[in-house]
PDB file of all heavy atoms in Angstrom:
ATOM      1  N   SER A   1      -0.959 -25.409   8.493  1.00  0.00           N
ATOM      2  CA  SER A   1      -2.197 -25.148   9.243  1.00  0.00           C
ATOM      3  C   SER A   1      -2.354 -23.687   9.609  1.00  0.00           C
ATOM      4  O   SER A   1      -3.198 -23.379  10.462  1.00  0.00           O
ATOM      5  CB  SER A   1      -2.213 -26.018  10.510  1.00  0.00           C
ATOM      6  OG  SER A   1      -1.129 -25.711  11.327  1.00  0.00           O
ATOM      7  N   ASP A   2      -1.587 -22.798   8.998  1.00  0.00           N
ATOM      8  CA  ASP A   2      -1.805 -21.359   9.183  1.00  0.00           C
ATOM      9  C   ASP A   2      -2.166 -20.770   7.818  1.00  0.00           C
ATOM     10  O   ASP A   2      -1.382 -20.837   6.897  1.00  0.00           O
ATOM     11  CB  ASP A   2      -0.592 -20.660   9.812  1.00  0.00           C
ATOM     12  CG  ASP A   2       0.723 -20.937   9.095  1.00  0.00           C
ATOM     13  OD1 ASP A   2       0.809 -21.995   8.414  1.00  0.00           O
ATOM     14  OD2 ASP A   2       1.649 -20.130   9.197  1.00  0.00           O
ATOM     15  N   TRP A   3      -3.348 -20.232   7.749  1.00  0.00           N
ATOM     16  CA  TRP A   3      -3.896 -19.736   6.472  1.00  0.00           C
ATOM     17  C   TRP A   3      -4.061 -18.216   6.514  1.00  0.00           C
ATOM     18  O   TRP A   3      -4.598 -17.665   7.488  1.00  0.00           O
ATOM     19  CB  TRP A   3      -5.260 -20.368   6.190  1.00  0.00           C
ATOM     20  CG  TRP A   3      -5.251 -21.856   6.100  1.00  0.00           C
ATOM     21  CD1 TRP A   3      -4.172 -22.692   6.092  1.00  0.00           C
ATOM     22  CD2 TRP A   3      -6.410 -22.703   6.009  1.00  0.00           C
ATOM     23  NE1 TRP A   3      -4.598 -24.003   5.974  1.00  0.00           N
ATOM     24  CE2 TRP A   3      -5.946 -24.038   5.931  1.00  0.00           C
ATOM     25  CE3 TRP A   3      -7.791 -22.453   5.982  1.00  0.00           C
ATOM     26  CZ2 TRP A   3      -6.831 -25.113   5.844  1.00  0.00           C
ATOM     27  CZ3 TRP A   3      -8.668 -23.521   5.875  1.00  0.00           C
ATOM     28  CH2 TRP A   3      -8.189 -24.832   5.816  1.00  0.00           C
ATOM     29  N   LEU A   4      -3.609 -17.550   5.485  1.00  0.00           N
ATOM     30  CA  LEU A   4      -3.697 -16.092   5.389  1.00  0.00           C
ATOM     31  C   LEU A   4      -4.801 -15.716   4.392  1.00  0.00           C
ATOM     32  O   LEU A   4      -4.706 -15.988   3.216  1.00  0.00           O
ATOM     33  CB  LEU A   4      -2.349 -15.504   4.938  1.00  0.00           C
ATOM     34  CG  LEU A   4      -2.304 -13.995   4.801  1.00  0.00           C
ATOM     35  CD1 LEU A   4      -2.488 -13.316   6.167  1.00  0.00           C
ATOM     36  CD2 LEU A   4      -0.972 -13.559   4.178  1.00  0.00           C
ATOM     37  N   PHE A   5      -5.862 -15.096   4.928  1.00  0.00           N
ATOM     38  CA  PHE A   5      -6.943 -14.585   4.098  1.00  0.00           C
ATOM     39  C   PHE A   5      -7.389 -13.227   4.677  1.00  0.00           C
ATOM     40  O   PHE A   5      -7.361 -13.045   5.911  1.00  0.00           O
ATOM     41  CB  PHE A   5      -8.155 -15.517   4.120  1.00  0.00           C
ATOM     42  CG  PHE A   5      -7.955 -16.824   3.415  1.00  0.00           C
ATOM     43  CD1 PHE A   5      -7.950 -18.007   4.129  1.00  0.00           C
ATOM     44  CD2 PHE A   5      -7.836 -16.877   2.034  1.00  0.00           C
ATOM     45  CE1 PHE A   5      -7.768 -19.210   3.511  1.00  0.00           C
ATOM     46  CE2 PHE A   5      -7.674 -18.097   1.398  1.00  0.00           C
ATOM     47  CZ  PHE A   5      -7.645 -19.259   2.126  1.00  0.00           C
ATOM     48  N   PRO A   6      -7.805 -12.308   3.819  1.00  0.00           N
ATOM     49  CA  PRO A   6      -8.362 -11.058   4.346  1.00  0.00           C
ATOM     50  C   PRO A   6      -9.767 -11.252   4.890  1.00  0.00           C
ATOM     51  O   PRO A   6     -10.446 -12.228   4.568  1.00  0.00           O
ATOM     52  CB  PRO A   6      -8.368 -10.138   3.138  1.00  0.00           C
ATOM     53  CG  PRO A   6      -8.483 -11.064   1.954  1.00  0.00           C
ATOM     54  CD  PRO A   6      -7.744 -12.323   2.344  1.00  0.00           C
ATOM     55  N   LEU A   7     -10.205 -10.322   5.718  1.00  0.00           N
ATOM     56  CA  LEU A   7     -11.597 -10.282   6.143  1.00  0.00           C
ATOM     57  C   LEU A   7     -12.512 -10.095   4.944  1.00  0.00           C
ATOM     58  O   LEU A   7     -12.074  -9.640   3.883  1.00  0.00           O
ATOM     59  CB  LEU A   7     -11.813  -9.157   7.135  1.00  0.00           C
ATOM     60  CG  LEU A   7     -11.180  -9.279   8.519  1.00  0.00           C
ATOM     61  CD1 LEU A   7     -11.220  -7.931   9.234  1.00  0.00           C
ATOM     62  CD2 LEU A   7     -11.918 -10.317   9.344  1.00  0.00           C
ATOM     63  N   CYS A   8     -13.760 -10.419   5.107  1.00  0.00           N
ATOM     64  CA  CYS A   8     -14.732 -10.238   4.037  1.00  0.00           C
ATOM     65  C   CYS A   8     -15.014  -8.737   3.866  1.00  0.00           C
ATOM     66  O   CYS A   8     -15.562  -8.099   4.766  1.00  0.00           O
ATOM     67  CB  CYS A   8     -16.018 -10.982   4.380  1.00  0.00           C
ATOM     68  SG  CYS A   8     -17.258 -10.869   3.104  1.00  0.00           S
ATOM     69  N   THR A   9     -14.612  -8.216   2.715  1.00  0.00           N
ATOM     70  CA  THR A   9     -14.786  -6.783   2.451  1.00  0.00           C
ATOM     71  C   THR A   9     -15.218  -6.577   0.999  1.00  0.00           C
ATOM     72  O   THR A   9     -15.375  -7.540   0.245  1.00  0.00           O
ATOM     73  CB  THR A   9     -13.465  -6.006   2.682  1.00  0.00           C
ATOM     74  OG1 THR A   9     -12.442  -6.565   1.855  1.00  0.00           O
ATOM     75  CG2 THR A   9     -13.043  -6.086   4.144  1.00  0.00           C
ATOM     76  N   GLY A  10     -15.365  -5.323   0.621  1.00  0.00           N
ATOM     77  CA  GLY A  10     -15.634  -4.993  -0.781  1.00  0.00           C
ATOM     78  C   GLY A  10     -16.955  -5.532  -1.276  1.00  0.00           C
ATOM     79  O   GLY A  10     -17.929  -5.629  -0.532  1.00  0.00           O
ATOM     80  N   ALA A  11     -16.974  -5.940  -2.558  1.00  0.00           N
ATOM     81  CA  ALA A  11     -18.217  -6.363  -3.188  1.00  0.00           C
ATOM     82  C   ALA A  11     -18.767  -7.642  -2.556  1.00  0.00           C
ATOM     83  O   ALA A  11     -19.967  -7.905  -2.619  1.00  0.00           O
ATOM     84  CB  ALA A  11     -17.957  -6.590  -4.680  1.00  0.00           C
ATOM     85  N   GLU A  12     -17.892  -8.455  -1.970  1.00  0.00           N
ATOM     86  CA  GLU A  12     -18.348  -9.696  -1.346  1.00  0.00           C
ATOM     87  C   GLU A  12     -19.165  -9.447  -0.069  1.00  0.00           C
ATOM     88  O   GLU A  12     -20.051 -10.234   0.276  1.00  0.00           O
ATOM     89  CB  GLU A  12     -17.161 -10.581  -1.029  1.00  0.00           C
ATOM     90  CG  GLU A  12     -17.549 -11.982  -0.548  1.00  0.00           C
ATOM     91  CD  GLU A  12     -16.335 -12.832  -0.206  1.00  0.00           C
ATOM     92  OE1 GLU A  12     -15.286 -12.699  -0.894  1.00  0.00           O
ATOM     93  OE2 GLU A  12     -16.426 -13.616   0.749  1.00  0.00           O
ATOM     94  N   ARG A  13     -18.904  -8.356   0.616  1.00  0.00           N
ATOM     95  CA  ARG A  13     -19.610  -8.053   1.860  1.00  0.00           C
ATOM     96  C   ARG A  13     -21.047  -7.602   1.562  1.00  0.00           C
ATOM     97  O   ARG A  13     -21.257  -6.650   0.812  1.00  0.00           O
ATOM     98  CB  ARG A  13     -18.860  -6.946   2.611  1.00  0.00           C
ATOM     99  CG  ARG A  13     -19.618  -6.328   3.752  1.00  0.00           C
ATOM    100  CD  ARG A  13     -19.877  -7.316   4.890  1.00  0.00           C
ATOM    101  NE  ARG A  13     -18.694  -7.515   5.713  1.00  0.00           N
ATOM    102  CZ  ARG A  13     -18.700  -8.189   6.867  1.00  0.00           C
ATOM    103  NH1 ARG A  13     -19.842  -8.722   7.309  1.00  0.00           N
ATOM    104  NH2 ARG A  13     -17.604  -8.368   7.554  1.00  0.00           N
ATOM    105  N   LEU A  14     -22.022  -8.317   2.100  1.00  0.00           N
ATOM    106  CA  LEU A  14     -23.416  -7.972   1.870  1.00  0.00           C
ATOM    107  C   LEU A  14     -23.808  -6.782   2.726  1.00  0.00           C
ATOM    108  O   LEU A  14     -23.533  -6.741   3.928  1.00  0.00           O
ATOM    109  CB  LEU A  14     -24.323  -9.147   2.202  1.00  0.00           C
ATOM    110  CG  LEU A  14     -24.081 -10.451   1.414  1.00  0.00           C
ATOM    111  CD1 LEU A  14     -25.189 -11.467   1.780  1.00  0.00           C
ATOM    112  CD2 LEU A  14     -24.024 -10.217  -0.075  1.00  0.00           C
ATOM    113  N   THR A  15     -24.466  -5.797   2.099  1.00  0.00           N
ATOM    114  CA  THR A  15     -24.915  -4.610   2.814  1.00  0.00           C
ATOM    115  C   THR A  15     -26.397  -4.364   2.519  1.00  0.00           C
ATOM    116  O   THR A  15     -26.949  -4.846   1.509  1.00  0.00           O
ATOM    117  CB  THR A  15     -24.099  -3.367   2.396  1.00  0.00           C
ATOM    118  OG1 THR A  15     -24.186  -3.200   0.957  1.00  0.00           O
ATOM    119  CG2 THR A  15     -22.656  -3.508   2.799  1.00  0.00           C
ATOM    120  N   ASP A  16     -27.028  -3.625   3.404  1.00  0.00           N
ATOM    121  CA  ASP A  16     -28.440  -3.308   3.213  1.00  0.00           C
ATOM    122  C   ASP A  16     -28.593  -1.997   2.454  1.00  0.00           C
ATOM    123  O   ASP A  16     -27.614  -1.426   1.952  1.00  0.00           O
ATOM    124  CB  ASP A  16     -29.179  -3.263   4.577  1.00  0.00           C
ATOM    125  CG  ASP A  16     -28.604  -2.227   5.517  1.00  0.00           C
ATOM    126  OD1 ASP A  16     -27.914  -1.276   5.025  1.00  0.00           O
ATOM    127  OD2 ASP A  16     -28.823  -2.334   6.733  1.00  0.00           O
ATOM    128  N   GLY A  17     -29.816  -1.496   2.381  1.00  0.00           N
ATOM    129  CA  GLY A  17     -30.083  -0.274   1.628  1.00  0.00           C
ATOM    130  C   GLY A  17     -29.387   0.947   2.168  1.00  0.00           C
ATOM    131  O   GLY A  17     -29.169   1.933   1.434  1.00  0.00           O
ATOM    132  N   ASP A  18     -28.985   0.908   3.438  1.00  0.00           N
ATOM    133  CA  ASP A  18     -28.294   2.036   4.063  1.00  0.00           C
ATOM    134  C   ASP A  18     -26.779   1.882   4.012  1.00  0.00           C
ATOM    135  O   ASP A  18     -26.057   2.713   4.551  1.00  0.00           O
ATOM    136  CB  ASP A  18     -28.741   2.198   5.511  1.00  0.00           C
ATOM    137  CG  ASP A  18     -30.220   2.522   5.629  1.00  0.00           C
ATOM    138  OD1 ASP A  18     -30.710   3.265   4.757  1.00  0.00           O
ATOM    139  OD2 ASP A  18     -30.860   2.034   6.576  1.00  0.00           O
ATOM    140  N   GLY A  19     -26.324   0.801   3.400  1.00  0.00           N
ATOM    141  CA  GLY A  19     -24.880   0.563   3.321  1.00  0.00           C
ATOM    142  C   GLY A  19     -24.307  -0.118   4.534  1.00  0.00           C
ATOM    143  O   GLY A  19     -23.085  -0.255   4.657  1.00  0.00           O
ATOM    144  N   ASP A  20     -25.170  -0.542   5.472  1.00  0.00           N
ATOM    145  CA  ASP A  20     -24.678  -1.240   6.675  1.00  0.00           C
ATOM    146  C   ASP A  20     -24.539  -2.736   6.385  1.00  0.00           C
ATOM    147  O   ASP A  20     -25.227  -3.322   5.546  1.00  0.00           O
ATOM    148  CB  ASP A  20     -25.687  -1.028   7.821  1.00  0.00           C
ATOM    149  CG  ASP A  20     -25.797   0.434   8.237  1.00  0.00           C
ATOM    150  OD1 ASP A  20     -24.758   1.132   8.192  1.00  0.00           O
ATOM    151  OD2 ASP A  20     -26.917   0.861   8.584  1.00  0.00           O
ATOM    152  N   LYS A  21     -23.661  -3.390   7.160  1.00  0.00           N
ATOM    153  CA  LYS A  21     -23.464  -4.812   7.006  1.00  0.00           C
ATOM    154  C   LYS A  21     -24.771  -5.558   7.313  1.00  0.00           C
ATOM    155  O   LYS A  21     -25.428  -5.286   8.302  1.00  0.00           O
ATOM    156  CB  LYS A  21     -22.389  -5.326   7.981  1.00  0.00           C
ATOM    157  CG  LYS A  21     -21.020  -4.703   7.785  1.00  0.00           C
ATOM    158  CD  LYS A  21     -20.061  -5.183   8.893  1.00  0.00           C
ATOM    159  CE  LYS A  21     -18.709  -4.519   8.807  1.00  0.00           C
ATOM    160  NZ  LYS A  21     -17.835  -4.915   9.944  1.00  0.00           N
ATOM    161  N   VAL A  22     -25.079  -6.534   6.462  1.00  0.00           N
ATOM    162  CA  VAL A  22     -26.255  -7.370   6.747  1.00  0.00           C
ATOM    163  C   VAL A  22     -25.958  -8.298   7.923  1.00  0.00           C
ATOM    164  O   VAL A  22     -26.808  -8.531   8.765  1.00  0.00           O
ATOM    165  CB  VAL A  22     -26.648  -8.196   5.498  1.00  0.00           C
ATOM    166  CG1 VAL A  22     -27.773  -9.170   5.824  1.00  0.00           C
ATOM    167  CG2 VAL A  22     -27.075  -7.263   4.363  1.00  0.00           C
ATOM    168  N   HIS A  23     -24.733  -8.813   7.960  1.00  0.00           N
ATOM    169  CA  HIS A  23     -24.318  -9.728   9.037  1.00  0.00           C
ATOM    170  C   HIS A  23     -22.963  -9.264   9.564  1.00  0.00           C
ATOM    171  O   HIS A  23     -22.058  -8.978   8.774  1.00  0.00           O
ATOM    172  CB  HIS A  23     -24.222 -11.163   8.489  1.00  0.00           C
ATOM    173  CG  HIS A  23     -24.132 -12.206   9.571  1.00  0.00           C
ATOM    174  ND1 HIS A  23     -23.039 -12.369  10.363  1.00  0.00           N
ATOM    175  CD2 HIS A  23     -25.030 -13.175   9.949  1.00  0.00           C
ATOM    176  CE1 HIS A  23     -23.230 -13.381  11.208  1.00  0.00           C
ATOM    177  NE2 HIS A  23     -24.444 -13.869  10.970  1.00  0.00           N
ATOM    178  N   PRO A  24     -22.762  -9.189  10.880  1.00  0.00           N
ATOM    179  CA  PRO A  24     -21.533  -8.622  11.402  1.00  0.00           C
ATOM    180  C   PRO A  24     -20.320  -9.503  11.255  1.00  0.00           C
ATOM    181  O   PRO A  24     -19.185  -9.012  11.314  1.00  0.00           O
ATOM    182  CB  PRO A  24     -21.859  -8.428  12.901  1.00  0.00           C
ATOM    183  CG  PRO A  24     -22.901  -9.447  13.193  1.00  0.00           C
ATOM    184  CD  PRO A  24     -23.747  -9.524  11.956  1.00  0.00           C
ATOM    185  N   THR A  25     -20.502 -10.846  11.091  1.00  0.00           N
ATOM    186  CA  THR A  25     -19.343 -11.726  11.042  1.00  0.00           C
ATOM    187  C   THR A  25     -19.352 -12.587   9.780  1.00  0.00           C
ATOM    188  O   THR A  25     -18.983 -13.765   9.802  1.00  0.00           O
ATOM    189  CB  THR A  25     -19.296 -12.663  12.280  1.00  0.00           C
ATOM    190  OG1 THR A  25     -20.451 -13.487  12.298  1.00  0.00           O
ATOM    191  CG2 THR A  25     -19.229 -11.829  13.560  1.00  0.00           C
ATOM    192  N   GLN A  26     -19.717 -12.010   8.650  1.00  0.00           N
ATOM    193  CA  GLN A  26     -19.717 -12.753   7.387  1.00  0.00           C
ATOM    194  C   GLN A  26     -18.295 -13.220   7.064  1.00  0.00           C
ATOM    195  O   GLN A  26     -17.352 -12.445   7.080  1.00  0.00           O
ATOM    196  CB  GLN A  26     -20.234 -11.858   6.266  1.00  0.00           C
ATOM    197  CG  GLN A  26     -20.294 -12.535   4.896  1.00  0.00           C
ATOM    198  CD  GLN A  26     -20.767 -11.584   3.801  1.00  0.00           C
ATOM    199  OE1 GLN A  26     -21.475 -10.607   4.074  1.00  0.00           O
ATOM    200  NE2 GLN A  26     -20.377 -11.839   2.575  1.00  0.00           N
ATOM    201  N   LYS A  27     -18.145 -14.499   6.774  1.00  0.00           N
ATOM    202  CA  LYS A  27     -16.844 -15.086   6.513  1.00  0.00           C
ATOM    203  C   LYS A  27     -16.477 -14.957   5.035  1.00  0.00           C
ATOM    204  O   LYS A  27     -17.370 -14.979   4.172  1.00  0.00           O
ATOM    205  CB  LYS A  27     -16.816 -16.556   6.926  1.00  0.00           C
ATOM    206  CG  LYS A  27     -16.970 -16.782   8.412  1.00  0.00           C
ATOM    207  CD  LYS A  27     -15.891 -16.099   9.228  1.00  0.00           C
ATOM    208  CE  LYS A  27     -16.000 -16.344  10.720  1.00  0.00           C
ATOM    209  NZ  LYS A  27     -17.128 -15.615  11.334  1.00  0.00           N
ATOM    210  N   PRO A  28     -15.193 -14.823   4.710  1.00  0.00           N
ATOM    211  CA  PRO A  28     -14.793 -14.733   3.303  1.00  0.00           C
ATOM    212  C   PRO A  28     -15.003 -16.056   2.570  1.00  0.00           C
ATOM    213  O   PRO A  28     -14.768 -17.130   3.124  1.00  0.00           O
ATOM    214  CB  PRO A  28     -13.288 -14.377   3.391  1.00  0.00           C
ATOM    215  CG  PRO A  28     -12.860 -14.904   4.723  1.00  0.00           C
ATOM    216  CD  PRO A  28     -14.039 -14.758   5.622  1.00  0.00           C
ATOM    217  N   GLU A  29     -15.435 -15.964   1.337  1.00  0.00           N
ATOM    218  CA  GLU A  29     -15.677 -17.174   0.563  1.00  0.00           C
ATOM    219  C   GLU A  29     -14.372 -17.977   0.364  1.00  0.00           C
ATOM    220  O   GLU A  29     -14.405 -19.207   0.236  1.00  0.00           O
ATOM    221  CB  GLU A  29     -16.296 -16.824  -0.769  1.00  0.00           C
ATOM    222  CG  GLU A  29     -17.745 -16.324  -0.662  1.00  0.00           C
ATOM    223  CD  GLU A  29     -18.436 -16.141  -1.986  1.00  0.00           C
ATOM    224  OE1 GLU A  29     -17.853 -16.578  -3.020  1.00  0.00           O
ATOM    225  OE2 GLU A  29     -19.558 -15.624  -2.020  1.00  0.00           O
ATOM    226  N   ALA A  30     -13.241 -17.297   0.321  1.00  0.00           N
ATOM    227  CA  ALA A  30     -11.969 -17.990   0.124  1.00  0.00           C
ATOM    228  C   ALA A  30     -11.719 -19.025   1.213  1.00  0.00           C
ATOM    229  O   ALA A  30     -11.160 -20.111   0.961  1.00  0.00           O
ATOM    230  CB  ALA A  30     -10.811 -16.980   0.098  1.00  0.00           C
ATOM    231  N   LEU A  31     -12.137 -18.730   2.416  1.00  0.00           N
ATOM    232  CA  LEU A  31     -11.939 -19.669   3.533  1.00  0.00           C
ATOM    233  C   LEU A  31     -12.734 -20.938   3.315  1.00  0.00           C
ATOM    234  O   LEU A  31     -12.229 -22.057   3.488  1.00  0.00           O
ATOM    235  CB  LEU A  31     -12.385 -18.984   4.837  1.00  0.00           C
ATOM    236  CG  LEU A  31     -12.088 -19.709   6.145  1.00  0.00           C
ATOM    237  CD1 LEU A  31     -10.582 -19.784   6.388  1.00  0.00           C
ATOM    238  CD2 LEU A  31     -12.769 -18.995   7.312  1.00  0.00           C
ATOM    239  N   LEU A  32     -13.991 -20.805   2.931  1.00  0.00           N
ATOM    240  CA  LEU A  32     -14.843 -21.992   2.663  1.00  0.00           C
ATOM    241  C   LEU A  32     -14.395 -22.726   1.426  1.00  0.00           C
ATOM    242  O   LEU A  32     -14.476 -23.962   1.352  1.00  0.00           O
ATOM    243  CB  LEU A  32     -16.292 -21.565   2.538  1.00  0.00           C
ATOM    244  CG  LEU A  32     -17.125 -21.407   3.816  1.00  0.00           C
ATOM    245  CD1 LEU A  32     -17.256 -22.744   4.535  1.00  0.00           C
ATOM    246  CD2 LEU A  32     -16.558 -20.388   4.744  1.00  0.00           C
ATOM    247  N   HIS A  33     -13.896 -21.997   0.448  1.00  0.00           N
ATOM    248  CA  HIS A  33     -13.390 -22.586  -0.796  1.00  0.00           C
ATOM    249  C   HIS A  33     -12.260 -23.589  -0.452  1.00  0.00           C
ATOM    250  O   HIS A  33     -12.259 -24.733  -0.939  1.00  0.00           O
ATOM    251  CB  HIS A  33     -12.867 -21.506  -1.728  1.00  0.00           C
ATOM    252  CG  HIS A  33     -12.425 -21.993  -3.056  1.00  0.00           C
ATOM    253  ND1 HIS A  33     -13.134 -21.805  -4.231  1.00  0.00           N
ATOM    254  CD2 HIS A  33     -11.310 -22.671  -3.465  1.00  0.00           C
ATOM    255  CE1 HIS A  33     -12.504 -22.351  -5.264  1.00  0.00           C
ATOM    256  NE2 HIS A  33     -11.374 -22.861  -4.791  1.00  0.00           N
ATOM    257  N   ARG A  34     -11.351 -23.173   0.408  1.00  0.00           N
ATOM    258  CA  ARG A  34     -10.230 -24.068   0.767  1.00  0.00           C
ATOM    259  C   ARG A  34     -10.737 -25.262   1.578  1.00  0.00           C
ATOM    260  O   ARG A  34     -10.307 -26.394   1.345  1.00  0.00           O
ATOM    261  CB  ARG A  34      -9.177 -23.319   1.568  1.00  0.00           C
ATOM    262  CG  ARG A  34      -8.010 -24.208   2.013  1.00  0.00           C
ATOM    263  CD  ARG A  34      -6.852 -23.418   2.536  1.00  0.00           C
ATOM    264  NE  ARG A  34      -6.204 -22.601   1.531  1.00  0.00           N
ATOM    265  CZ  ARG A  34      -5.160 -21.818   1.767  1.00  0.00           C
ATOM    266  NH1 ARG A  34      -4.631 -21.730   2.999  1.00  0.00           N
ATOM    267  NH2 ARG A  34      -4.652 -21.092   0.808  1.00  0.00           N
ATOM    268  N   ILE A  35     -11.620 -25.032   2.496  1.00  0.00           N
ATOM    269  CA  ILE A  35     -12.137 -26.131   3.340  1.00  0.00           C
ATOM    270  C   ILE A  35     -12.837 -27.177   2.470  1.00  0.00           C
ATOM    271  O   ILE A  35     -12.625 -28.396   2.655  1.00  0.00           O
ATOM    272  CB  ILE A  35     -13.077 -25.563   4.414  1.00  0.00           C
ATOM    273  CG1 ILE A  35     -12.265 -24.822   5.471  1.00  0.00           C
ATOM    274  CG2 ILE A  35     -13.918 -26.681   5.048  1.00  0.00           C
ATOM    275  CD1 ILE A  35     -13.118 -24.045   6.480  1.00  0.00           C
ATOM    276  N   PHE A  36     -13.671 -26.729   1.543  1.00  0.00           N
ATOM    277  CA  PHE A  36     -14.424 -27.689   0.725  1.00  0.00           C
ATOM    278  C   PHE A  36     -13.493 -28.427  -0.237  1.00  0.00           C
ATOM    279  O   PHE A  36     -13.617 -29.642  -0.432  1.00  0.00           O
ATOM    280  CB  PHE A  36     -15.518 -26.979  -0.069  1.00  0.00           C
ATOM    281  CG  PHE A  36     -16.640 -26.470   0.788  1.00  0.00           C
ATOM    282  CD1 PHE A  36     -17.605 -25.621   0.251  1.00  0.00           C
ATOM    283  CD2 PHE A  36     -16.724 -26.801   2.133  1.00  0.00           C
ATOM    284  CE1 PHE A  36     -18.647 -25.162   1.029  1.00  0.00           C
ATOM    285  CE2 PHE A  36     -17.764 -26.299   2.927  1.00  0.00           C
ATOM    286  CZ  PHE A  36     -18.721 -25.493   2.385  1.00  0.00           C
TER     287      PHE A  36
END
């Protein structure tokens, strides 16, 4: 019940035209992949 995943970064992190995060707490897809 302890899972090691990195924060959502790199190409997976959605950014706007200025390079800022679209959402401040976007979760990594790996986390949802395991849950599903």
